[in-house]
N, C-alpha and C. Protein backbone atom coordinates (compact mmCIF):
# COMPACT_ATOMS: atom_id res chain seq x y z
N UNK A 1 102.32 90.12 101.41
CA UNK A 1 102.44 91.52 101.51
C UNK A 1 102.54 91.77 103.05
N UNK A 2 103.46 92.50 103.40
CA UNK A 2 103.60 92.86 104.84
C UNK A 2 102.74 94.11 105.21
N UNK A 3 102.81 95.03 104.50
CA UNK A 3 102.05 96.30 104.71
C UNK A 3 100.77 96.44 103.82
N UNK A 4 99.86 96.89 104.48
CA UNK A 4 98.59 97.29 103.61
C UNK A 4 98.66 98.61 103.51
N UNK A 5 98.42 99.06 102.22
CA UNK A 5 98.32 100.53 102.02
C UNK A 5 96.95 100.94 101.56
N UNK A 6 96.17 100.23 101.96
CA UNK A 6 94.58 100.49 101.88
C UNK A 6 94.01 100.11 103.08
N UNK A 7 92.98 101.02 103.61
CA UNK A 7 92.28 100.74 104.85
C UNK A 7 90.96 99.96 104.73
N UNK A 8 90.21 100.38 103.50
CA UNK A 8 88.98 99.78 103.27
C UNK A 8 88.68 100.09 101.79
N UNK A 9 87.84 99.15 101.33
CA UNK A 9 87.19 99.35 99.96
C UNK A 9 85.95 100.27 100.11
N UNK A 10 85.71 101.20 99.20
CA UNK A 10 84.60 102.00 99.16
C UNK A 10 83.43 101.45 98.16
N UNK A 11 84.11 100.77 97.10
CA UNK A 11 83.35 100.31 96.03
C UNK A 11 84.01 99.17 95.32
N UNK A 12 83.46 98.19 94.86
CA UNK A 12 83.90 97.00 94.17
C UNK A 12 83.16 96.44 93.20
N UNK A 13 83.50 96.66 91.83
CA UNK A 13 82.62 96.08 90.71
C UNK A 13 83.58 94.98 90.16
N UNK A 14 83.10 93.72 90.35
CA UNK A 14 83.83 92.51 90.02
C UNK A 14 84.31 92.61 88.43
N UNK A 15 85.61 92.51 88.30
CA UNK A 15 86.23 92.45 86.79
C UNK A 15 86.32 93.84 86.24
N UNK A 16 85.69 94.79 86.80
CA UNK A 16 85.67 96.06 86.16
C UNK A 16 86.40 97.26 86.92
N UNK A 17 85.95 97.53 88.22
CA UNK A 17 86.64 98.71 88.82
C UNK A 17 86.60 98.47 90.46
N UNK A 18 87.34 99.35 91.05
CA UNK A 18 87.25 99.24 92.59
C UNK A 18 87.82 100.65 93.01
N UNK A 19 87.35 100.93 94.29
CA UNK A 19 87.65 102.13 94.79
C UNK A 19 88.04 101.81 96.28
N UNK A 20 89.22 102.27 96.71
CA UNK A 20 89.72 102.03 98.19
C UNK A 20 90.20 103.29 98.75
N UNK A 21 90.29 103.19 100.00
CA UNK A 21 90.61 104.50 100.75
C UNK A 21 91.81 104.26 101.73
N UNK A 22 92.82 105.17 101.94
CA UNK A 22 93.75 105.11 102.91
C UNK A 22 93.88 106.40 103.70
N UNK A 23 93.79 106.32 104.90
CA UNK A 23 93.99 107.50 105.86
C UNK A 23 95.42 107.48 106.25
N UNK A 24 96.13 108.50 105.98
CA UNK A 24 97.54 108.68 106.39
C UNK A 24 97.66 109.36 107.65
N UNK A 25 97.94 108.48 108.67
CA UNK A 25 98.13 108.86 110.04
C UNK A 25 99.53 109.25 110.48
N UNK A 26 99.63 110.24 111.23
CA UNK A 26 101.05 110.62 111.59
C UNK A 26 101.79 109.47 112.32
N UNK A 27 100.80 108.49 112.84
CA UNK A 27 101.37 107.49 113.51
C UNK A 27 101.89 106.33 112.65
N UNK A 28 101.80 106.49 111.40
CA UNK A 28 102.47 105.47 110.54
C UNK A 28 104.00 105.42 110.64
N UNK A 29 104.52 104.13 110.55
CA UNK A 29 106.08 104.06 110.79
C UNK A 29 106.87 104.90 109.69
N UNK A 30 106.33 104.97 108.57
CA UNK A 30 107.10 105.68 107.44
C UNK A 30 107.33 107.02 107.79
N UNK A 31 106.54 107.82 108.48
CA UNK A 31 106.57 109.12 108.64
C UNK A 31 107.59 109.62 109.72
N UNK A 32 108.10 108.58 110.42
CA UNK A 32 109.18 108.93 111.43
C UNK A 32 110.35 109.23 110.64
N UNK A 33 110.81 108.55 109.58
CA UNK A 33 112.04 108.83 108.88
C UNK A 33 111.82 109.60 107.51
N UNK A 34 110.53 109.72 107.02
CA UNK A 34 110.37 110.23 105.62
C UNK A 34 109.29 111.49 105.77
N UNK A 35 109.64 112.44 106.10
CA UNK A 35 110.95 113.08 106.34
C UNK A 35 110.63 113.82 107.74
N UNK A 36 111.53 113.72 108.75
CA UNK A 36 111.28 114.42 110.04
C UNK A 36 110.95 115.83 109.76
N UNK A 37 109.86 116.34 110.40
CA UNK A 37 109.51 117.70 110.26
C UNK A 37 108.60 117.92 109.14
N UNK A 38 108.64 116.99 108.19
CA UNK A 38 107.81 117.17 106.85
C UNK A 38 107.46 115.74 106.37
N UNK A 39 106.37 115.10 107.20
CA UNK A 39 105.95 113.79 106.82
C UNK A 39 105.34 113.69 105.51
N UNK A 40 106.12 113.01 104.56
CA UNK A 40 105.65 112.96 103.15
C UNK A 40 105.56 111.28 102.91
N UNK A 41 104.40 110.87 102.39
CA UNK A 41 104.39 109.42 101.87
C UNK A 41 105.25 109.31 100.63
N UNK A 42 106.14 108.23 100.63
CA UNK A 42 106.95 107.96 99.49
C UNK A 42 106.10 107.56 98.31
N UNK A 43 106.51 108.06 97.21
CA UNK A 43 105.69 107.90 95.79
C UNK A 43 105.59 106.22 95.64
N UNK A 44 106.59 105.56 95.99
CA UNK A 44 106.56 104.20 95.81
C UNK A 44 105.44 103.61 96.53
N UNK A 45 105.11 104.01 97.73
CA UNK A 45 104.05 103.52 98.57
C UNK A 45 102.71 103.95 98.14
N UNK A 46 102.67 105.07 97.47
CA UNK A 46 101.36 105.50 96.84
C UNK A 46 101.06 104.43 95.61
N UNK A 47 101.95 104.19 95.01
CA UNK A 47 101.84 103.19 93.85
C UNK A 47 101.59 101.81 94.38
N UNK A 48 102.14 101.46 95.54
CA UNK A 48 101.86 100.27 96.07
C UNK A 48 100.30 100.17 96.52
N UNK A 49 99.81 101.19 97.14
CA UNK A 49 98.41 101.19 97.48
C UNK A 49 97.55 100.96 96.15
N UNK A 50 97.87 101.76 95.15
CA UNK A 50 97.25 101.55 93.87
C UNK A 50 97.30 100.17 93.27
N UNK A 51 98.67 99.61 93.48
CA UNK A 51 98.76 98.14 92.96
C UNK A 51 97.96 97.18 93.83
N UNK A 52 97.81 97.37 95.15
CA UNK A 52 97.03 96.52 95.90
C UNK A 52 95.63 96.60 95.61
N UNK A 53 95.15 97.76 95.30
CA UNK A 53 93.75 97.75 95.01
C UNK A 53 93.42 97.18 93.60
N UNK A 54 94.30 97.55 92.70
CA UNK A 54 94.30 96.75 91.47
C UNK A 54 94.41 95.23 91.45
N UNK A 55 95.45 94.86 92.33
CA UNK A 55 95.71 93.40 92.32
C UNK A 55 94.60 92.75 92.84
N UNK A 56 94.01 93.18 93.86
CA UNK A 56 92.83 92.53 94.55
C UNK A 56 91.63 92.43 93.42
N UNK A 57 91.43 93.45 92.76
CA UNK A 57 90.40 93.54 91.67
C UNK A 57 90.71 92.30 90.74
N UNK A 58 91.93 92.27 90.27
CA UNK A 58 92.35 91.30 89.14
C UNK A 58 92.20 89.95 89.81
N UNK A 59 92.67 89.71 90.95
CA UNK A 59 92.65 88.38 91.69
C UNK A 59 91.27 87.92 91.86
N UNK A 60 90.41 88.77 92.34
CA UNK A 60 89.04 88.39 92.62
C UNK A 60 88.30 88.07 91.34
N UNK A 61 88.75 88.66 90.24
CA UNK A 61 88.01 88.37 88.83
C UNK A 61 88.29 86.92 88.50
N UNK A 62 89.32 86.24 89.09
CA UNK A 62 89.64 84.80 88.82
C UNK A 62 89.39 84.01 90.10
N UNK A 63 88.71 84.45 91.04
CA UNK A 63 88.40 83.77 92.18
C UNK A 63 89.65 83.51 92.94
N UNK A 64 90.59 84.24 92.89
CA UNK A 64 91.89 84.12 93.71
C UNK A 64 92.50 82.83 93.37
N UNK A 65 92.22 82.24 92.13
CA UNK A 65 92.98 81.02 91.57
C UNK A 65 94.34 81.09 91.10
N UNK A 66 94.68 82.28 90.75
CA UNK A 66 95.92 82.74 90.14
C UNK A 66 96.70 83.57 91.15
N UNK A 67 98.02 83.28 91.16
CA UNK A 67 98.89 84.19 91.80
C UNK A 67 99.22 85.41 90.98
N UNK A 68 98.77 86.58 91.42
CA UNK A 68 98.80 87.86 90.58
C UNK A 68 99.90 88.61 91.13
N UNK A 69 101.02 88.96 90.40
CA UNK A 69 102.03 89.77 90.75
C UNK A 69 102.28 90.96 89.98
N UNK A 70 102.73 92.17 90.64
CA UNK A 70 102.86 93.26 89.92
C UNK A 70 104.11 92.99 88.91
N UNK A 71 103.89 93.06 87.70
CA UNK A 71 104.87 92.78 86.66
C UNK A 71 105.61 94.13 86.19
N UNK A 72 104.89 95.13 85.98
CA UNK A 72 105.46 96.35 85.25
C UNK A 72 104.56 97.64 85.55
N UNK A 73 105.20 98.78 85.93
CA UNK A 73 104.49 100.00 85.94
C UNK A 73 104.76 100.62 84.56
N UNK A 74 103.61 100.66 83.90
CA UNK A 74 103.84 101.17 82.42
C UNK A 74 103.94 102.62 82.33
N UNK A 75 103.34 103.29 83.30
CA UNK A 75 103.46 104.76 83.31
C UNK A 75 102.99 105.14 84.78
N UNK A 76 103.60 106.24 85.30
CA UNK A 76 103.25 106.94 86.63
C UNK A 76 103.42 108.37 86.54
N UNK A 77 102.58 109.08 86.99
CA UNK A 77 102.61 110.64 87.04
C UNK A 77 102.08 111.11 88.31
N UNK A 78 103.00 111.97 88.92
CA UNK A 78 102.60 112.56 90.34
C UNK A 78 102.68 114.10 90.16
N UNK A 79 101.48 114.63 90.60
CA UNK A 79 101.23 116.01 90.62
C UNK A 79 101.74 116.88 91.86
N UNK A 80 101.66 116.02 92.82
CA UNK A 80 102.03 116.55 94.33
C UNK A 80 102.42 115.54 95.13
N UNK A 81 102.68 115.82 96.42
CA UNK A 81 103.15 114.98 97.42
C UNK A 81 101.72 114.65 98.28
N UNK A 82 101.78 113.44 98.93
CA UNK A 82 100.84 113.09 99.92
C UNK A 82 101.41 113.34 101.33
N UNK A 83 100.71 113.88 102.15
CA UNK A 83 101.26 114.25 103.39
C UNK A 83 100.41 113.66 104.51
N UNK A 84 101.11 113.36 105.76
CA UNK A 84 100.39 112.91 106.83
C UNK A 84 99.26 113.64 107.18
N UNK A 85 98.10 113.05 107.58
CA UNK A 85 96.94 113.70 108.02
C UNK A 85 95.91 113.91 106.75
N UNK A 86 96.34 113.39 105.65
CA UNK A 86 95.39 113.37 104.41
C UNK A 86 94.88 112.07 104.25
N UNK A 87 93.83 112.08 103.43
CA UNK A 87 93.09 110.72 103.05
C UNK A 87 93.40 110.64 101.64
N UNK A 88 93.72 109.29 101.19
CA UNK A 88 93.92 109.02 99.84
C UNK A 88 92.80 108.07 99.36
N UNK A 89 92.29 108.26 98.10
CA UNK A 89 91.44 107.48 97.50
C UNK A 89 92.02 106.85 96.20
N UNK A 90 91.97 105.54 96.09
CA UNK A 90 92.46 104.88 94.92
C UNK A 90 91.51 104.32 94.10
N UNK A 91 91.37 104.94 92.95
CA UNK A 91 90.35 104.48 92.01
C UNK A 91 90.98 103.66 90.82
N UNK A 92 90.55 102.50 90.47
CA UNK A 92 91.31 101.69 89.55
C UNK A 92 90.17 100.96 88.57
N UNK A 93 90.56 100.91 87.37
CA UNK A 93 89.59 100.28 86.26
C UNK A 93 90.51 99.34 85.51
N UNK A 94 89.89 98.12 85.16
CA UNK A 94 90.47 97.09 84.43
C UNK A 94 90.57 97.57 82.98
N UNK A 95 91.66 97.59 82.42
CA UNK A 95 91.83 97.90 80.97
C UNK A 95 91.73 96.68 80.12
N UNK A 96 92.52 95.49 80.50
CA UNK A 96 92.20 94.20 79.83
C UNK A 96 92.57 93.21 80.89
N UNK A 97 91.85 91.86 80.74
CA UNK A 97 92.05 90.72 81.66
C UNK A 97 92.25 89.59 80.70
N UNK A 98 93.58 88.99 80.77
CA UNK A 98 93.73 87.84 79.86
C UNK A 98 94.34 86.66 80.71
N UNK A 99 94.46 85.54 80.22
CA UNK A 99 94.98 84.42 81.02
C UNK A 99 96.46 84.72 81.49
N UNK A 100 97.18 85.32 80.71
CA UNK A 100 98.70 85.65 81.03
C UNK A 100 98.80 86.82 82.05
N UNK A 101 97.88 87.69 82.16
CA UNK A 101 97.90 88.78 82.94
C UNK A 101 96.83 89.82 82.73
N UNK A 102 97.00 90.98 83.35
CA UNK A 102 95.93 92.13 83.18
C UNK A 102 96.69 93.39 83.41
N UNK A 103 96.01 94.44 82.96
CA UNK A 103 96.38 95.69 83.22
C UNK A 103 95.33 96.57 83.76
N UNK A 104 95.66 97.53 84.60
CA UNK A 104 94.60 98.53 85.23
C UNK A 104 95.18 100.02 85.01
N UNK A 105 94.33 100.91 84.97
CA UNK A 105 94.56 102.43 85.03
C UNK A 105 94.00 102.64 86.41
N UNK A 106 94.91 103.44 87.04
CA UNK A 106 94.50 104.06 88.30
C UNK A 106 94.75 105.54 88.68
N UNK A 107 93.98 106.05 89.49
CA UNK A 107 94.10 107.49 89.87
C UNK A 107 94.12 107.52 91.25
N UNK A 108 94.88 108.42 91.91
CA UNK A 108 94.86 108.65 93.33
C UNK A 108 94.37 110.11 93.50
N UNK A 109 93.61 110.23 94.56
CA UNK A 109 93.02 111.54 95.03
C UNK A 109 93.41 111.71 96.34
N UNK A 110 93.67 112.94 96.73
CA UNK A 110 94.12 113.19 98.17
C UNK A 110 93.44 114.36 98.60
N UNK A 111 93.21 114.59 99.87
CA UNK A 111 92.67 115.72 100.63
C UNK A 111 92.71 115.63 102.03
N UNK A 112 92.42 116.69 102.74
CA UNK A 112 92.50 116.63 104.20
C UNK A 112 91.47 115.64 104.75
N UNK A 113 91.90 115.01 105.84
CA UNK A 113 91.07 113.94 106.46
C UNK A 113 89.72 114.70 106.82
N UNK A 114 88.63 113.88 106.55
CA UNK A 114 87.26 114.42 106.78
C UNK A 114 86.73 115.11 105.68
N UNK A 115 87.46 115.36 104.48
CA UNK A 115 86.85 115.95 103.42
C UNK A 115 85.82 114.96 102.83
N UNK A 116 84.63 115.52 102.50
CA UNK A 116 83.54 114.55 101.95
C UNK A 116 84.11 113.93 100.63
N UNK A 117 83.79 112.60 100.52
CA UNK A 117 84.22 111.86 99.30
C UNK A 117 83.88 112.40 98.01
N UNK A 118 82.67 113.14 97.90
CA UNK A 118 82.28 113.62 96.60
C UNK A 118 83.25 114.70 96.19
N UNK A 119 83.72 115.46 97.18
CA UNK A 119 84.70 116.68 96.79
C UNK A 119 86.12 116.04 96.57
N UNK A 120 86.57 115.01 97.39
CA UNK A 120 87.83 114.37 97.32
C UNK A 120 88.15 113.75 96.02
N UNK A 121 87.14 112.94 95.60
CA UNK A 121 87.20 112.02 94.34
C UNK A 121 86.04 112.08 93.50
N UNK A 122 85.35 113.14 93.43
CA UNK A 122 84.22 113.36 92.50
C UNK A 122 84.70 113.60 91.14
N UNK A 123 83.57 113.89 90.29
CA UNK A 123 83.78 114.09 88.84
C UNK A 123 84.71 115.22 88.44
N UNK A 124 84.75 116.24 89.48
CA UNK A 124 85.64 117.44 89.11
C UNK A 124 86.91 117.44 89.74
N UNK A 125 87.22 116.31 90.66
CA UNK A 125 88.43 116.23 91.28
C UNK A 125 89.72 115.97 90.31
N UNK A 126 90.78 116.60 90.71
CA UNK A 126 92.01 116.32 89.98
C UNK A 126 92.86 115.38 90.65
N UNK A 127 93.35 114.32 90.06
CA UNK A 127 94.13 113.26 90.76
C UNK A 127 95.42 113.92 90.99
N UNK A 128 95.94 113.42 92.22
CA UNK A 128 97.39 113.75 92.62
C UNK A 128 98.44 112.88 92.02
N UNK A 129 97.88 111.62 91.53
CA UNK A 129 98.72 110.81 90.91
C UNK A 129 97.94 109.86 90.00
N UNK A 130 98.57 109.27 88.96
CA UNK A 130 97.98 108.27 88.09
C UNK A 130 98.89 107.36 87.56
N UNK A 131 98.44 106.10 87.36
CA UNK A 131 99.39 105.12 86.81
C UNK A 131 98.69 104.04 86.04
N UNK A 132 99.41 103.44 85.06
CA UNK A 132 98.99 102.28 84.42
C UNK A 132 99.84 101.11 84.73
N UNK A 133 99.23 99.99 85.33
CA UNK A 133 100.02 98.89 85.97
C UNK A 133 99.67 97.51 85.32
N UNK A 134 100.70 96.74 85.00
CA UNK A 134 100.36 95.40 84.44
C UNK A 134 100.79 94.44 85.36
N UNK A 135 99.84 93.47 85.70
CA UNK A 135 100.04 92.27 86.55
C UNK A 135 100.23 91.00 85.66
N UNK A 136 100.94 90.12 86.24
CA UNK A 136 101.15 88.89 85.54
C UNK A 136 100.61 87.74 86.40
N UNK A 137 100.05 86.72 85.73
CA UNK A 137 99.59 85.50 86.49
C UNK A 137 100.65 84.65 86.42
N UNK A 138 101.11 84.18 87.48
CA UNK A 138 102.25 83.14 87.53
C UNK A 138 101.74 81.79 87.02
N UNK A 139 102.63 81.28 86.23
CA UNK A 139 102.25 79.82 85.62
C UNK A 139 101.95 78.91 86.78
N UNK A 140 100.74 78.38 86.80
CA UNK A 140 100.41 77.48 87.86
C UNK A 140 101.31 76.33 88.23
N UNK A 141 101.71 75.60 87.26
CA UNK A 141 102.59 74.47 87.54
C UNK A 141 103.93 74.89 87.97
N UNK A 142 104.43 76.03 87.37
CA UNK A 142 105.79 76.42 87.87
C UNK A 142 105.64 77.00 89.23
N UNK A 143 104.66 77.86 89.35
CA UNK A 143 104.58 78.50 90.95
C UNK A 143 104.29 77.63 92.02
N UNK A 144 103.55 76.45 91.60
CA UNK A 144 103.35 75.38 92.70
C UNK A 144 104.56 74.78 93.05
N UNK A 145 105.46 74.46 91.98
CA UNK A 145 106.73 73.72 92.33
C UNK A 145 107.50 74.80 93.25
N UNK A 146 107.64 76.01 93.05
CA UNK A 146 108.39 76.88 93.80
C UNK A 146 107.74 77.32 95.11
N UNK A 147 106.43 77.53 95.13
CA UNK A 147 105.79 78.13 96.33
C UNK A 147 104.77 77.21 96.90
N UNK A 148 104.49 76.02 96.43
CA UNK A 148 103.40 75.16 96.92
C UNK A 148 102.10 75.70 96.63
N UNK A 149 101.05 75.23 97.48
CA UNK A 149 99.74 75.61 97.28
C UNK A 149 99.34 77.03 97.90
N UNK A 150 100.12 77.52 98.77
CA UNK A 150 99.92 78.76 99.55
C UNK A 150 99.90 79.91 98.56
N UNK A 151 98.77 80.73 98.58
CA UNK A 151 98.76 81.87 97.85
C UNK A 151 99.28 83.05 98.60
N UNK A 152 100.60 83.29 98.33
CA UNK A 152 101.33 84.36 99.21
C UNK A 152 100.85 85.69 98.82
N UNK A 153 100.24 85.94 97.58
CA UNK A 153 99.70 87.28 97.21
C UNK A 153 98.59 87.80 98.01
N UNK A 154 97.51 86.99 98.02
CA UNK A 154 96.33 87.30 98.65
C UNK A 154 96.20 86.71 99.94
N UNK A 155 96.69 87.55 100.92
CA UNK A 155 96.70 87.19 102.29
C UNK A 155 95.23 87.18 102.87
N UNK A 156 95.08 86.51 104.04
CA UNK A 156 93.83 86.69 104.63
C UNK A 156 93.28 87.90 104.89
N UNK A 157 94.21 88.78 105.35
CA UNK A 157 93.66 90.24 105.51
C UNK A 157 93.11 90.98 104.42
N UNK A 158 93.76 90.77 103.23
CA UNK A 158 93.25 91.28 101.99
C UNK A 158 91.85 90.79 101.66
N UNK A 159 91.76 89.53 101.64
CA UNK A 159 90.51 88.79 101.44
C UNK A 159 89.42 89.21 102.40
N UNK A 160 89.77 89.38 103.57
CA UNK A 160 88.93 89.82 104.63
C UNK A 160 88.30 91.26 104.41
N UNK A 161 89.18 92.12 103.96
CA UNK A 161 88.93 93.51 103.64
C UNK A 161 87.96 93.49 102.52
N UNK A 162 88.06 92.75 101.45
CA UNK A 162 87.24 92.77 100.44
C UNK A 162 85.89 92.13 100.84
N UNK A 163 85.87 91.11 101.63
CA UNK A 163 84.77 90.55 102.13
C UNK A 163 83.75 91.51 102.79
N UNK A 164 84.36 92.47 103.58
CA UNK A 164 83.73 93.47 104.40
C UNK A 164 83.12 94.35 103.36
N UNK A 165 83.77 94.78 102.28
CA UNK A 165 83.18 95.59 101.30
C UNK A 165 82.01 95.05 100.59
N UNK A 166 82.02 93.66 100.39
CA UNK A 166 80.90 93.06 99.64
C UNK A 166 79.71 93.03 100.63
N UNK A 167 79.99 92.80 101.98
CA UNK A 167 78.89 92.78 102.96
C UNK A 167 78.23 94.21 102.96
N UNK A 168 79.07 95.30 103.07
CA UNK A 168 78.39 96.70 103.11
C UNK A 168 77.71 96.88 101.87
N UNK A 169 78.27 96.45 100.71
CA UNK A 169 77.57 96.77 99.49
C UNK A 169 76.11 95.96 99.32
N UNK A 170 76.04 94.78 99.94
CA UNK A 170 74.86 94.05 100.03
C UNK A 170 73.79 94.82 100.81
N UNK A 171 74.43 95.22 102.04
CA UNK A 171 73.50 95.84 102.91
C UNK A 171 72.87 97.17 102.33
N UNK A 172 73.82 97.93 101.52
CA UNK A 172 73.31 99.19 101.08
C UNK A 172 72.27 98.90 100.01
N UNK A 173 72.57 97.75 99.14
CA UNK A 173 71.67 97.40 98.20
C UNK A 173 70.19 97.12 98.72
N UNK A 174 70.31 96.32 99.82
CA UNK A 174 68.95 95.94 100.37
C UNK A 174 68.22 97.17 101.10
N UNK A 175 69.05 98.06 101.57
CA UNK A 175 68.53 99.30 102.18
C UNK A 175 68.16 100.41 100.99
N UNK A 176 68.62 100.07 99.87
CA UNK A 176 68.29 101.19 98.81
C UNK A 176 69.16 102.29 98.82
N UNK A 177 70.51 102.22 99.37
CA UNK A 177 71.39 103.26 99.40
C UNK A 177 72.43 103.02 98.43
N UNK A 178 72.73 104.25 97.71
CA UNK A 178 73.78 104.16 96.66
C UNK A 178 75.19 104.37 97.28
N UNK A 179 76.17 103.79 96.82
CA UNK A 179 77.52 103.93 97.53
C UNK A 179 78.28 105.13 96.62
């Protein structure tokens, strides 16, 4: 992956669910051309952020031993656009996890930068987008022949981001703070 469409994890429950955040800065390259004078994040990139969040959740459930690739977007629904200056929150939950692949259900919440998380993605919040995504696990023998041992899906950056989320969760648990 060349572009990361999540900035950090807010919550991560191994094999169950994850919550990630993306701040849409006007400085993002995509907003220069999409669209001048009306900076809108393309829907495909919103889905990519959701897929990155879900893909890391699925990959981590198998200790990153499998190459996990987005195989199919089973459904996707958008209620509105995401604009520069907003914050996106990606919530994903595992629907099923099997040896050949996994599926997740995800929701995307959006609001003005600085909006409290409880208002942005709380129980009463309405998602701006939602999707169901299927990921495939590449056959180990075949993928090793083609790609070698390098896990091109889970880059060091993504694993590092997840590691930071785990450190923060551990610190909060020790301090008695709920995420």
